[in-house]
Amino acid sequence: MRHASKLLILATVLVAAPALAKSGDRNQPMDISADRTDAQLGDDSVSTLEGNVRIRQGTLEVDAARAEVHRAAGDINRIVLTGSPARLRQVSDAGEPMDAQANRVVYLLADESMMLTGNVVITQPRGNLRGETVKYDINTGRIDGGGDGARVSMRILPKNAAAD
């Protein structure tokens, strides 16, 4: 049954939407604001932001209670978001909006992946996915959910229903 669930998730991703992220967003500046920060500006550092954290980069909009921004060799390489929930919104290259929320999101910029855990909900025009653990590959649009003992559920709308 677990294998069938993973195949269904893969089929959903292939049918429902291209990669969730807008590729041009990665080349835009990243603007970050919060109520409080504890930061180091060195090339190898971790900056912690707390309270009403907002991150904007192109069409990407992130809101969280807390964020850790990890830098290595001068570049941001990992962002850890927490909240009840942390929320990400973005428009795909195809112009479709995506809304994702989870209690914790770990975004690894180097391999362009996100791990969402705790009350995960991903909503797109063609449907939604819910679970406790979801790994998302930004480059391929592949979603790997479940495998943590919790069930994954999704709703897939017919193509003509998504336009309504």
Foldseek 3Di string as FASTA:
>chain_A
DLVVQLVVQQVCLVPPDWQQAAVCQVVFDKDKDAPDKDWDQDQFTKIKGAHQIWIDTPQKIKTARIKIFGGHRNHTFKIKGAHVKIKIWGAYNVRKIKIWIARMWMAGPVQGKIWGAHFIWIDTLFKIKTDGIWIARNVGRRIGDDPPPIDMDMDGHPPVNSVD
